Amino acid sequence: MRKKIMKALSVMLAVVLTFTAAPLSGFVGLELPEWLDFSIKSSAATSGTCGKNLTWTFDESIDTLTISGTGAMEDFLFGVPWESYDDKIRKVVINNGVTTIGDYAFEDCVNLYDVTLPNSVITIGDRVFDYCLNLKRIIIPNNVTLIGYGAFNDCRNLTSVIIGDNVTTIGDNAFDGEFE
């Protein structure tokens, strides 16, 4: 009797270990969201999409992030696709055709110091440049009508802001924080 109990326990333990060791997505046939992917990657992507008709490219040789295409950029409440480069991005070039800069797009890019915004931009979302500690100046084009909540919050070295003629809405705390 004791042998049968031990054998049954061994089989149950083997079954439990088999199912707990299997990856969740493979076991139940689920596709996990990209942001839940904890697998080790050999290198981060240097390009991708950031809106329906927008792409991004990071050039590591000059630490520049370029956004190209037409239309609105996504909002990024839970992280941006170029997040692995946040501390390396020194320059952002947004090409003509982009109409909206999505919420949180460049938040925490602490080494960002140079931003080029085209005349096609109409909206700068919430907290777009929040905590970009090295951003010193920004020229907001004439076609921009809205600067979102906290858009330049905690840009501590921001000393020059030129705002275009058509801005009708500046969100709360757009230029809030500690400034030099």
C-alpha atoms as a PDB file:
ATOM      1  CA  MET A   1       0.000   0.000   0.000  1.00  0.00           C
ATOM      2  CA  ARG A   2       2.799   2.385   0.886  1.00  0.00           C
ATOM      3  CA  LYS A   3       4.433   1.809  -2.546  1.00  0.00           C
ATOM      4  CA  LYS A   4       1.173   2.726  -4.307  1.00  0.00           C
ATOM      5  CA  ILE A   5       0.872   5.971  -2.333  1.00  0.00           C
ATOM      6  CA  MET A   6       4.497   6.905  -3.097  1.00  0.00           C
ATOM      7  CA  LYS A   7       4.002   6.100  -6.779  1.00  0.00           C
ATOM      8  CA  ALA A   8       0.804   8.197  -6.918  1.00  0.00           C
ATOM      9  CA  LEU A   9       2.565  11.124  -5.207  1.00  0.00           C
ATOM     10  CA  SER A  10       5.486  10.838  -7.646  1.00  0.00           C
ATOM     11  CA  VAL A  11       3.139  10.959 -10.630  1.00  0.00           C
ATOM     12  CA  MET A  12       1.256  13.956  -9.186  1.00  0.00           C
ATOM     13  CA  LEU A  13       4.522  15.778  -8.499  1.00  0.00           C
ATOM     14  CA  ALA A  14       5.730  15.092 -12.046  1.00  0.00           C
ATOM     15  CA  VAL A  15       2.472  16.453 -13.470  1.00  0.00           C
ATOM     16  CA  VAL A  16       2.640  19.596 -11.322  1.00  0.00           C
ATOM     17  CA  LEU A  17       6.285  20.229 -12.244  1.00  0.00           C
ATOM     18  CA  THR A  18       5.561  19.699 -15.929  1.00  0.00           C
ATOM     19  CA  PHE A  19       2.734  22.233 -16.015  1.00  0.00           C
ATOM     20  CA  THR A  20       4.426  24.873 -13.857  1.00  0.00           C
ATOM     21  CA  ALA A  21       7.621  24.691 -15.893  1.00  0.00           C
ATOM     22  CA  ALA A  22       5.770  25.161 -19.207  1.00  0.00           C
ATOM     23  CA  PRO A  23       5.589  28.782 -20.342  1.00  0.00           C
ATOM     24  CA  LEU A  24       2.139  30.266 -19.820  1.00  0.00           C
ATOM     25  CA  SER A  25       1.738  31.371 -23.426  1.00  0.00           C
ATOM     26  CA  GLY A  26       2.670  27.935 -24.771  1.00  0.00           C
ATOM     27  CA  PHE A  27       0.522  26.042 -22.296  1.00  0.00           C
ATOM     28  CA  VAL A  28      -2.780  27.848 -22.699  1.00  0.00           C
ATOM     29  CA  GLY A  29      -2.248  29.204 -26.201  1.00  0.00           C
ATOM     30  CA  LEU A  30      -2.321  32.857 -25.120  1.00  0.00           C
ATOM     31  CA  GLU A  31      -0.306  35.571 -26.749  1.00  0.00           C
ATOM     32  CA  LEU A  32       1.087  37.789 -24.038  1.00  0.00           C
ATOM     33  CA  PRO A  33       1.299  41.545 -24.649  1.00  0.00           C
ATOM     34  CA  GLU A  34       4.722  42.750 -25.764  1.00  0.00           C
ATOM     35  CA  TRP A  35       5.220  44.703 -22.528  1.00  0.00           C
ATOM     36  CA  LEU A  36       4.911  41.439 -20.533  1.00  0.00           C
ATOM     37  CA  ASP A  37       7.678  39.747 -22.488  1.00  0.00           C
ATOM     38  CA  PHE A  38      10.443  39.012 -19.996  1.00  0.00           C
ATOM     39  CA  SER A  39      12.609  37.020 -22.368  1.00  0.00           C
ATOM     40  CA  ILE A  40      16.209  38.069 -22.822  1.00  0.00           C
ATOM     41  CA  LYS A  41      16.820  39.759 -26.118  1.00  0.00           C
ATOM     42  CA  SER A  42      20.201  39.975 -27.779  1.00  0.00           C
ATOM     43  CA  SER A  43      19.737  43.618 -28.754  1.00  0.00           C
ATOM     44  CA  ALA A  44      17.021  46.247 -28.676  1.00  0.00           C
ATOM     45  CA  ALA A  45      15.180  47.201 -31.842  1.00  0.00           C
ATOM     46  CA  THR A  46      16.436  50.398 -33.450  1.00  0.00           C
ATOM     47  CA  SER A  47      13.230  51.064 -35.382  1.00  0.00           C
ATOM     48  CA  GLY A  48       9.522  50.392 -35.336  1.00  0.00           C
ATOM     49  CA  THR A  49       6.111  52.024 -35.447  1.00  0.00           C
ATOM     50  CA  CYS A  50       4.701  54.693 -33.152  1.00  0.00           C
ATOM     51  CA  GLY A  51       1.402  55.494 -34.801  1.00  0.00           C
ATOM     52  CA  LYS A  52      -0.846  54.279 -37.599  1.00  0.00           C
ATOM     53  CA  ASN A  53       1.359  55.865 -40.259  1.00  0.00           C
ATOM     54  CA  LEU A  54       4.423  56.771 -38.189  1.00  0.00           C
ATOM     55  CA  THR A  55       7.779  55.084 -37.759  1.00  0.00           C
ATOM     56  CA  TRP A  56      10.702  55.691 -35.437  1.00  0.00           C
ATOM     57  CA  THR A  57      14.406  55.084 -35.942  1.00  0.00           C
ATOM     58  CA  PHE A  58      17.226  55.429 -33.441  1.00  0.00           C
ATOM     59  CA  ASP A  59      20.686  56.070 -34.891  1.00  0.00           C
ATOM     60  CA  GLU A  60      23.131  54.935 -32.207  1.00  0.00           C
ATOM     61  CA  SER A  61      26.112  56.544 -33.945  1.00  0.00           C
ATOM     62  CA  ILE A  62      24.693  60.048 -33.366  1.00  0.00           C
ATOM     63  CA  ASP A  63      22.241  59.315 -30.498  1.00  0.00           C
ATOM     64  CA  THR A  64      19.325  60.653 -32.567  1.00  0.00           C
ATOM     65  CA  LEU A  65      15.713  59.488 -32.559  1.00  0.00           C
ATOM     66  CA  THR A  66      13.789  60.337 -35.742  1.00  0.00           C
ATOM     67  CA  ILE A  67      10.011  60.161 -36.119  1.00  0.00           C
ATOM     68  CA  SER A  68       8.740  59.997 -39.714  1.00  0.00           C
ATOM     69  CA  GLY A  69       5.437  59.602 -41.537  1.00  0.00           C
ATOM     70  CA  THR A  70       2.059  61.281 -41.398  1.00  0.00           C
ATOM     71  CA  GLY A  71      -0.574  61.685 -38.730  1.00  0.00           C
ATOM     72  CA  ALA A  72      -0.778  61.349 -34.975  1.00  0.00           C
ATOM     73  CA  MET A  73       1.670  59.594 -32.712  1.00  0.00           C
ATOM     74  CA  GLU A  74       0.294  57.114 -30.190  1.00  0.00           C
ATOM     75  CA  ASP A  75      -0.021  58.002 -26.510  1.00  0.00           C
ATOM     76  CA  PHE A  76       2.476  56.080 -24.354  1.00  0.00           C
ATOM     77  CA  LEU A  77       1.116  55.733 -20.833  1.00  0.00           C
ATOM     78  CA  PHE A  78       2.895  52.381 -20.303  1.00  0.00           C
ATOM     79  CA  GLY A  79       6.239  52.947 -22.016  1.00  0.00           C
ATOM     80  CA  VAL A  80       7.543  53.918 -25.429  1.00  0.00           C
ATOM     81  CA  PRO A  81       8.968  51.544 -28.032  1.00  0.00           C
ATOM     82  CA  TRP A  82      12.371  53.289 -27.824  1.00  0.00           C
ATOM     83  CA  GLU A  83      12.473  53.027 -24.016  1.00  0.00           C
ATOM     84  CA  SER A  84      15.749  51.093 -23.992  1.00  0.00           C
ATOM     85  CA  TYR A  85      17.385  54.212 -25.482  1.00  0.00           C
ATOM     86  CA  ASP A  86      15.849  56.795 -23.109  1.00  0.00           C
ATOM     87  CA  ASP A  87      19.181  57.575 -21.467  1.00  0.00           C
ATOM     88  CA  LYS A  88      21.056  57.644 -24.815  1.00  0.00           C
ATOM     89  CA  ILE A  89      18.754  59.923 -26.821  1.00  0.00           C
ATOM     90  CA  ARG A  90      20.407  63.313 -27.202  1.00  0.00           C
ATOM     91  CA  LYS A  91      18.479  64.620 -30.193  1.00  0.00           C
ATOM     92  CA  VAL A  92      14.907  64.138 -31.442  1.00  0.00           C
ATOM     93  CA  VAL A  93      13.943  64.988 -35.010  1.00  0.00           C
ATOM     94  CA  ILE A  94      10.254  64.937 -35.818  1.00  0.00           C
ATOM     95  CA  ASN A  95       9.794  65.121 -39.566  1.00  0.00           C
ATOM     96  CA  ASN A  96       7.158  67.133 -41.391  1.00  0.00           C
ATOM     97  CA  GLY A  97       3.874  65.204 -41.548  1.00  0.00           C
ATOM     98  CA  VAL A  98       3.607  64.339 -37.852  1.00  0.00           C
ATOM     99  CA  THR A  99       0.557  66.129 -36.425  1.00  0.00           C
ATOM    100  CA  THR A 100       0.469  65.042 -32.771  1.00  0.00           C
ATOM    101  CA  ILE A 101       3.230  64.178 -30.329  1.00  0.00           C
ATOM    102  CA  GLY A 102       1.753  61.488 -28.074  1.00  0.00           C
ATOM    103  CA  ASP A 103       1.518  61.671 -24.294  1.00  0.00           C
ATOM    104  CA  TYR A 104       4.745  60.716 -22.474  1.00  0.00           C
ATOM    105  CA  ALA A 105       6.635  60.291 -25.784  1.00  0.00           C
ATOM    106  CA  PHE A 106      10.012  61.549 -24.538  1.00  0.00           C
ATOM    107  CA  GLU A 107       9.475  61.521 -20.784  1.00  0.00           C
ATOM    108  CA  ASP A 108      12.662  60.772 -18.820  1.00  0.00           C
ATOM    109  CA  CYS A 109      15.010  61.254 -21.791  1.00  0.00           C
ATOM    110  CA  VAL A 110      17.405  62.875 -19.349  1.00  0.00           C
ATOM    111  CA  ASN A 111      20.167  63.514 -21.918  1.00  0.00           C
ATOM    112  CA  LEU A 112      17.895  65.017 -24.577  1.00  0.00           C
ATOM    113  CA  TYR A 113      19.119  68.498 -25.388  1.00  0.00           C
ATOM    114  CA  ASP A 114      17.968  69.158 -28.974  1.00  0.00           C
ATOM    115  CA  VAL A 115      14.434  68.850 -30.391  1.00  0.00           C
ATOM    116  CA  THR A 116      13.277  69.736 -33.896  1.00  0.00           C
ATOM    117  CA  LEU A 117       9.524  70.208 -34.326  1.00  0.00           C
ATOM    118  CA  PRO A 118       8.047  70.720 -37.815  1.00  0.00           C
ATOM    119  CA  ASN A 119       5.195  73.072 -38.739  1.00  0.00           C
ATOM    120  CA  SER A 120       2.887  70.067 -39.224  1.00  0.00           C
ATOM    121  CA  VAL A 121       2.658  69.525 -35.439  1.00  0.00           C
ATOM    122  CA  ILE A 122      -0.664  70.744 -34.045  1.00  0.00           C
ATOM    123  CA  THR A 123      -0.725  69.092 -30.606  1.00  0.00           C
ATOM    124  CA  ILE A 124       1.974  68.446 -28.013  1.00  0.00           C
ATOM    125  CA  GLY A 125       0.525  65.856 -25.628  1.00  0.00           C
ATOM    126  CA  ASP A 126       0.678  65.517 -21.856  1.00  0.00           C
ATOM    127  CA  ARG A 127       4.095  65.128 -20.227  1.00  0.00           C
ATOM    128  CA  VAL A 128       5.807  64.760 -23.603  1.00  0.00           C
ATOM    129  CA  PHE A 129       9.131  66.192 -22.413  1.00  0.00           C
ATOM    130  CA  ASP A 130       8.656  65.639 -18.674  1.00  0.00           C
ATOM    131  CA  TYR A 131      11.981  65.279 -16.850  1.00  0.00           C
ATOM    132  CA  CYS A 132      14.167  65.971 -19.888  1.00  0.00           C
ATOM    133  CA  LEU A 133      16.844  67.442 -17.663  1.00  0.00           C
ATOM    134  CA  ASN A 134      19.200  68.676 -20.399  1.00  0.00           C
ATOM    135  CA  LEU A 135      16.659  70.292 -22.708  1.00  0.00           C
ATOM    136  CA  LYS A 136      17.708  73.950 -22.843  1.00  0.00           C
ATOM    137  CA  ARG A 137      15.499  75.483 -25.512  1.00  0.00           C
ATOM    138  CA  ILE A 138      12.425  74.686 -27.533  1.00  0.00           C
ATOM    139  CA  ILE A 139      10.758  76.390 -30.470  1.00  0.00           C
ATOM    140  CA  ILE A 140       7.069  75.570 -30.687  1.00  0.00           C
ATOM    141  CA  PRO A 141       5.909  76.024 -34.301  1.00  0.00           C
ATOM    142  CA  ASN A 142       3.081  78.355 -35.326  1.00  0.00           C
ATOM    143  CA  ASN A 143       0.627  75.538 -36.152  1.00  0.00           C
ATOM    144  CA  VAL A 144       0.635  74.166 -32.588  1.00  0.00           C
ATOM    145  CA  THR A 145      -2.652  74.969 -30.860  1.00  0.00           C
ATOM    146  CA  LEU A 146      -2.343  72.844 -27.713  1.00  0.00           C
ATOM    147  CA  ILE A 147       0.480  72.175 -25.252  1.00  0.00           C
ATOM    148  CA  GLY A 148      -0.608  69.402 -22.888  1.00  0.00           C
ATOM    149  CA  TYR A 149      -0.561  69.019 -19.130  1.00  0.00           C
ATOM    150  CA  GLY A 150       2.998  68.937 -17.741  1.00  0.00           C
ATOM    151  CA  ALA A 151       4.460  68.890 -21.273  1.00  0.00           C
ATOM    152  CA  PHE A 152       7.760  70.431 -20.117  1.00  0.00           C
ATOM    153  CA  ASN A 153       7.487  69.594 -16.418  1.00  0.00           C
ATOM    154  CA  ASP A 154      10.849  69.348 -14.646  1.00  0.00           C
ATOM    155  CA  CYS A 155      12.924  70.409 -17.657  1.00  0.00           C
ATOM    156  CA  ARG A 156      15.309  71.956 -15.163  1.00  0.00           C
ATOM    157  CA  ASN A 157      17.706  73.514 -17.683  1.00  0.00           C
ATOM    158  CA  LEU A 158      15.053  74.923 -20.008  1.00  0.00           C
ATOM    159  CA  THR A 159      15.957  78.594 -20.411  1.00  0.00           C
ATOM    160  CA  SER A 160      14.456  79.509 -23.793  1.00  0.00           C
ATOM    161  CA  VAL A 161      10.917  78.812 -24.986  1.00  0.00           C
ATOM    162  CA  ILE A 162       9.531  80.361 -28.144  1.00  0.00           C
ATOM    163  CA  ILE A 163       5.793  79.735 -28.489  1.00  0.00           C
ATOM    164  CA  GLY A 164       4.076  80.089 -31.872  1.00  0.00           C
ATOM    165  CA  ASP A 165       1.231  82.506 -32.481  1.00  0.00           C
ATOM    166  CA  ASN A 166      -1.608  79.950 -32.641  1.00  0.00           C
ATOM    167  CA  VAL A 167      -1.306  78.264 -29.234  1.00  0.00           C
ATOM    168  CA  THR A 168      -4.721  78.603 -27.606  1.00  0.00           C
ATOM    169  CA  THR A 169      -4.377  76.067 -24.793  1.00  0.00           C
ATOM    170  CA  ILE A 170      -1.505  75.478 -22.406  1.00  0.00           C
ATOM    171  CA  GLY A 171      -2.253  72.674 -19.953  1.00  0.00           C
ATOM    172  CA  ASP A 172      -1.788  72.944 -16.211  1.00  0.00           C
ATOM    173  CA  ASN A 173       1.806  72.585 -15.024  1.00  0.00           C
ATOM    174  CA  ALA A 174       3.065  72.637 -18.636  1.00  0.00           C
ATOM    175  CA  PHE A 175       6.222  74.414 -17.502  1.00  0.00           C
ATOM    176  CA  ASP A 176       6.166  73.411 -13.844  1.00  0.00           C
ATOM    177  CA  GLY A 177       8.990  71.996 -11.786  1.00  0.00           C
ATOM    178  CA  GLU A 178      12.449  72.979 -10.675  1.00  0.00           C
ATOM    179  CA  PHE A 179      14.184  75.333 -13.075  1.00  0.00           C
ATOM    180  CA  GLU A 180      17.638  76.838 -12.946  1.00  0.00           C
END
